[in-house]
Amino acid sequence: MSKNWDFFISYASEDRAEAADPIELELTKRGFAVWLDHKTLAAPKELEAQIQKGLSECHFGVVILSPRFLEKDWPMREIDTLFAIESIEGRRRVVPLLHKMTTSELETRAPELHVRHPILTREGAERVCDQILERVLHSTDRSRQDQLGEFGTDELPRFRVPGQLKCMNSGCSWHPPADWPEFLHSSGPEFTFAKVGQQWCIVCCECKTPVGSITEDEAKQLAGQIRMGNLWARERKEKGDR
């Protein structure tokens, strides 16, 4: 599938000078199209839409994991979106890097990321990019891929859209009565999306009943909208900066 970008670099702003910029420069020198926010964003408005577009239109996401990265909401939104799109496409597309922390520290703080065996940035931009390309070549050979379940990406993100989606299965315990007050906290079920046969569908998390069908491209857009638009059902400490 043709995409506008070879790589999307996700990082915390404190790691730009030492990690993000050198890696972007090295990949660009090698002829790749790289999405890096401060070089790619066209205008200060509609930032969420531009970032979401970059995430959905890249072949691979290079994620620079650091203590700062793990503390911030916005970078974590990006990695969640990349993993969701990865699961939709059925192939690995996230290349994790480890910056200013040890593998044991990452295992303690984020074991679900540790299992991806991040590349160490301290080896320098050239060596890091060599290893990135080795992993890219491996992941493009579908016959050699491992199962995506290693990270837990079998489960796609859950979301709520009160007043817009309702489960039509009368036997579902989440089915709201006709007079359900809108101000109540749980005004409807959680939804996710899954492949039903050859068709992607929005489904109720409680009873798995399909609510409506969507295309694969719409599923990828929805994966971004859930995180960027704060529809995410999983609670996180909100921090707006990178």
Protein backbone atom coordinates (compact mmCIF):
# COMPACT_ATOMS: atom_id res chain seq x y z
CA MET A 1 0.00 0.00 0.00
CA SER A 2 1.38 3.40 -0.99
CA LYS A 3 1.83 5.89 1.87
CA ASN A 4 3.14 9.45 1.97
CA TRP A 5 5.73 8.81 4.69
CA ASP A 6 8.27 6.07 5.31
CA PHE A 7 8.68 6.90 9.00
CA PHE A 8 6.79 8.85 11.67
CA ILE A 9 8.98 9.82 14.64
CA SER A 10 7.19 9.95 18.00
CA TYR A 11 9.12 11.49 20.90
CA ALA A 12 9.02 13.80 23.94
CA SER A 13 10.12 17.36 23.21
CA GLU A 14 13.02 17.12 25.70
CA ASP A 15 14.53 14.37 23.52
CA ARG A 16 14.39 16.30 20.24
CA ALA A 17 17.96 17.58 20.02
CA GLU A 18 19.73 14.43 21.23
CA ALA A 19 17.57 11.77 19.60
CA ALA A 20 14.72 12.81 17.28
CA ASP A 21 16.58 15.33 15.11
CA PRO A 22 19.73 13.20 14.51
CA ILE A 23 17.65 10.14 13.61
CA GLU A 24 15.42 12.18 11.27
CA LEU A 25 18.51 13.68 9.62
CA GLU A 26 20.17 10.28 9.13
CA LEU A 27 17.03 8.65 7.69
CA THR A 28 16.47 11.64 5.39
CA LYS A 29 20.09 11.44 4.18
CA ARG A 30 19.41 7.83 3.22
CA GLY A 31 16.51 8.93 1.02
CA PHE A 32 13.51 8.25 3.26
CA ALA A 33 10.50 10.51 3.78
CA VAL A 34 10.30 11.22 7.51
CA TRP A 35 7.41 12.84 9.44
CA LEU A 36 8.78 14.92 12.32
CA ASP A 37 6.39 17.41 13.88
CA HIS A 38 8.43 20.63 13.98
CA LYS A 39 9.58 20.08 10.37
CA THR A 40 6.33 18.76 8.94
CA LEU A 41 3.35 20.48 10.59
CA ALA A 42 1.95 22.95 8.08
CA ALA A 43 0.20 25.32 10.49
CA PRO A 44 -0.49 25.67 14.22
CA LYS A 45 -4.19 25.00 13.71
CA GLU A 46 -5.74 21.55 13.32
CA LEU A 47 -2.68 19.94 14.92
CA GLU A 48 -4.58 16.82 15.96
CA ALA A 49 -5.83 16.22 12.42
CA GLN A 50 -2.35 16.72 10.95
CA ILE A 51 -0.74 14.33 13.46
CA GLN A 52 -3.47 11.75 12.96
CA LYS A 53 -2.96 11.97 9.20
CA GLY A 54 0.80 11.49 9.65
CA LEU A 55 0.24 8.43 11.84
CA SER A 56 -2.15 6.78 9.38
CA GLU A 57 -0.03 7.61 6.32
CA CYS A 58 3.34 6.31 7.52
CA HIS A 59 4.77 2.87 6.83
CA PHE A 60 6.54 2.69 10.20
CA GLY A 61 6.52 4.56 13.49
CA VAL A 62 9.88 5.17 15.19
CA VAL A 63 9.04 5.63 18.89
CA ILE A 64 11.73 7.14 21.13
CA LEU A 65 10.98 5.77 24.60
CA SER A 66 12.42 7.76 27.50
CA PRO A 67 11.40 8.71 31.06
CA ARG A 68 9.90 11.93 29.67
CA PHE A 69 8.03 10.06 26.94
CA LEU A 70 6.38 7.71 29.44
CA GLU A 71 5.28 10.66 31.61
CA LYS A 72 3.43 12.52 28.87
CA ASP A 73 -0.01 11.95 27.47
CA TRP A 74 0.50 13.16 23.91
CA PRO A 75 3.38 10.80 22.96
CA MET A 76 1.47 7.93 24.57
CA ARG A 77 -1.54 8.80 22.41
CA GLU A 78 0.67 8.50 19.35
CA ILE A 79 2.05 5.09 20.32
CA ASP A 80 -1.42 3.80 21.16
CA THR A 81 -2.61 4.89 17.73
CA LEU A 82 0.36 3.26 16.00
CA PHE A 83 -0.23 -0.04 17.79
CA ALA A 84 -3.94 0.04 16.96
CA ILE A 85 -3.21 0.66 13.26
CA GLU A 86 -0.57 -2.07 13.42
CA SER A 87 -3.19 -4.52 14.60
CA ILE A 88 -5.63 -3.43 11.89
CA GLU A 89 -3.05 -3.94 9.15
CA GLY A 90 -1.91 -7.25 10.63
CA ARG A 91 1.80 -6.42 10.43
CA ARG A 92 4.42 -4.85 12.65
CA ARG A 93 4.92 -1.17 12.02
CA VAL A 94 6.33 0.15 15.33
CA VAL A 95 10.10 0.37 15.84
CA PRO A 96 10.89 1.29 19.49
CA LEU A 97 14.07 3.06 20.56
CA LEU A 98 15.31 3.42 24.14
CA HIS A 99 16.75 6.78 25.21
CA LYS A 100 18.27 7.79 28.56
CA MET A 101 16.97 4.75 30.42
CA THR A 102 17.99 1.12 30.82
CA THR A 103 16.12 -1.91 29.59
CA SER A 104 15.50 -2.96 33.19
CA GLU A 105 13.95 0.44 33.96
CA LEU A 106 11.70 0.09 30.92
CA GLU A 107 10.70 -3.41 31.99
CA THR A 108 9.66 -2.04 35.39
CA ARG A 109 7.81 1.01 34.08
CA ALA A 110 6.33 -0.33 30.84
CA PRO A 111 6.75 -4.12 30.49
CA GLU A 112 4.39 -4.17 27.50
CA LEU A 113 6.93 -2.02 25.62
CA HIS A 114 10.00 -3.84 26.94
CA VAL A 115 9.00 -7.03 25.09
CA ARG A 116 9.57 -5.24 21.78
CA HIS A 117 13.36 -5.15 22.46
CA PRO A 118 14.01 -1.42 21.80
CA ILE A 119 17.10 -0.23 19.94
CA LEU A 120 19.48 1.78 22.15
CA THR A 121 19.98 5.38 20.99
CA ARG A 122 23.36 5.60 22.74
CA GLU A 123 24.82 3.61 19.84
CA GLY A 124 24.58 6.73 17.66
CA ALA A 125 22.28 7.79 14.82
CA GLU A 126 24.04 5.83 12.07
CA ARG A 127 24.01 2.52 13.94
CA VAL A 128 20.46 3.14 15.18
CA CYS A 129 19.25 3.71 11.60
CA ASP A 130 21.06 0.56 10.45
CA GLN A 131 19.10 -1.41 13.04
CA ILE A 132 15.83 0.35 12.19
CA LEU A 133 16.21 -0.71 8.56
CA GLU A 134 17.06 -4.27 9.58
CA ARG A 135 13.78 -4.47 11.48
CA VAL A 136 11.84 -2.83 8.66
CA LEU A 137 13.13 -5.42 6.19
CA HIS A 138 12.21 -8.19 8.61
CA SER A 139 8.68 -6.88 9.16
CA THR A 140 7.96 -6.46 5.46
CA ASP A 141 8.52 -10.18 4.96
CA ARG A 142 5.13 -11.38 6.19
CA SER A 143 6.16 -15.04 6.22
CA ARG A 144 8.75 -14.28 8.95
CA GLN A 145 6.56 -12.18 11.24
CA ASP A 146 5.72 -13.24 14.78
CA GLN A 147 2.19 -13.00 16.14
CA LEU A 148 1.09 -9.48 17.07
CA GLY A 149 -0.20 -10.70 20.42
CA GLU A 150 3.22 -10.19 22.01
CA PHE A 151 2.24 -6.60 22.81
CA GLY A 152 -1.41 -7.37 23.38
CA THR A 153 -2.50 -5.60 20.21
CA ASP A 154 -5.09 -8.28 19.52
CA GLU A 155 -7.41 -6.05 21.55
CA LEU A 156 -8.15 -2.83 19.71
CA PRO A 157 -8.95 0.38 21.63
CA ARG A 158 -12.30 0.81 23.31
CA PHE A 159 -14.28 4.03 23.11
CA ARG A 160 -17.57 5.67 24.11
CA VAL A 161 -19.71 8.02 22.03
CA PRO A 162 -22.82 8.74 24.15
CA GLY A 163 -25.87 9.53 22.07
CA GLN A 164 -24.24 8.49 18.79
CA LEU A 165 -23.91 4.71 19.01
CA LYS A 166 -26.20 2.22 20.75
CA CYS A 167 -26.04 -1.55 20.97
CA MET A 168 -29.13 -2.95 19.25
CA ASN A 169 -28.97 -6.30 21.03
CA SER A 170 -31.83 -6.25 23.56
CA GLY A 171 -30.14 -9.02 25.57
CA CYS A 172 -26.98 -7.00 26.12
CA SER A 173 -26.58 -5.85 29.71
CA TRP A 174 -25.15 -2.55 28.43
CA HIS A 175 -28.25 -1.77 26.34
CA PRO A 176 -29.59 1.54 27.70
CA PRO A 177 -33.35 2.05 28.20
CA ALA A 178 -35.10 4.53 25.92
CA ASP A 179 -35.39 7.07 28.75
CA TRP A 180 -31.76 6.71 29.97
CA PRO A 181 -30.66 10.17 31.25
CA GLU A 182 -27.81 11.65 29.22
CA PHE A 183 -26.09 13.10 32.31
CA LEU A 184 -25.39 9.68 33.84
CA HIS A 185 -21.75 8.59 33.66
CA SER A 186 -22.34 5.30 31.83
CA SER A 187 -24.83 6.46 29.22
CA GLY A 188 -24.00 3.60 26.89
CA PRO A 189 -21.72 0.66 26.24
CA GLU A 190 -18.09 0.67 25.25
CA PHE A 191 -17.39 -0.10 21.61
CA THR A 192 -14.39 -1.30 19.69
CA PHE A 193 -13.90 -2.49 16.11
CA ALA A 194 -13.16 -5.93 14.76
CA LYS A 195 -13.08 -7.83 11.51
CA VAL A 196 -16.30 -9.78 10.93
CA GLY A 197 -15.59 -12.04 7.97
CA GLN A 198 -13.88 -9.76 5.46
CA GLN A 199 -15.54 -6.58 6.76
CA TRP A 200 -14.39 -4.27 9.57
CA CYS A 201 -17.23 -3.41 11.95
CA ILE A 202 -17.85 -1.33 15.05
CA VAL A 203 -18.89 -3.83 17.72
CA CYS A 204 -20.27 -3.70 21.26
CA CYS A 205 -17.57 -4.79 23.76
CA GLU A 206 -20.15 -6.49 25.98
CA CYS A 207 -21.96 -8.77 23.53
CA LYS A 208 -19.81 -8.42 20.35
CA THR A 209 -22.84 -7.41 18.27
CA PRO A 210 -21.83 -5.41 15.16
CA VAL A 211 -23.27 -1.90 15.12
CA GLY A 212 -22.12 -0.86 11.65
CA SER A 213 -19.53 -1.66 9.00
CA ILE A 214 -16.51 0.50 8.13
CA THR A 215 -13.68 0.27 5.62
CA GLU A 216 -10.11 -0.55 6.68
CA ASP A 217 -9.09 3.07 6.03
CA GLU A 218 -11.98 4.26 8.22
CA ALA A 219 -10.86 1.82 10.95
CA LYS A 220 -7.36 3.38 10.88
CA GLN A 221 -8.84 6.89 11.03
CA LEU A 222 -11.03 5.83 13.95
CA ALA A 223 -7.97 4.46 15.79
CA GLY A 224 -6.46 7.94 15.61
CA GLN A 225 -9.68 9.77 16.47
CA ILE A 226 -10.18 7.69 19.60
CA ARG A 227 -6.91 8.90 21.11
CA MET A 228 -6.62 12.33 19.54
CA GLY A 229 -10.29 13.14 20.12
CA ASN A 230 -10.38 11.91 23.74
CA LEU A 231 -12.94 9.18 23.01
CA TRP A 232 -10.58 6.64 24.61
CA ALA A 233 -12.32 4.54 27.25
CA ARG A 234 -9.05 3.76 29.06
CA GLU A 235 -8.25 6.43 31.60
CA ARG A 236 -4.88 8.20 31.46
CA LYS A 237 -3.47 11.18 33.29
CA GLU A 238 -4.01 13.96 30.80
CA LYS A 239 -1.00 16.07 29.85
CA GLY A 240 -1.23 18.14 26.71
CA ASP A 241 2.42 18.73 25.93
CA ARG A 242 4.76 16.50 23.97
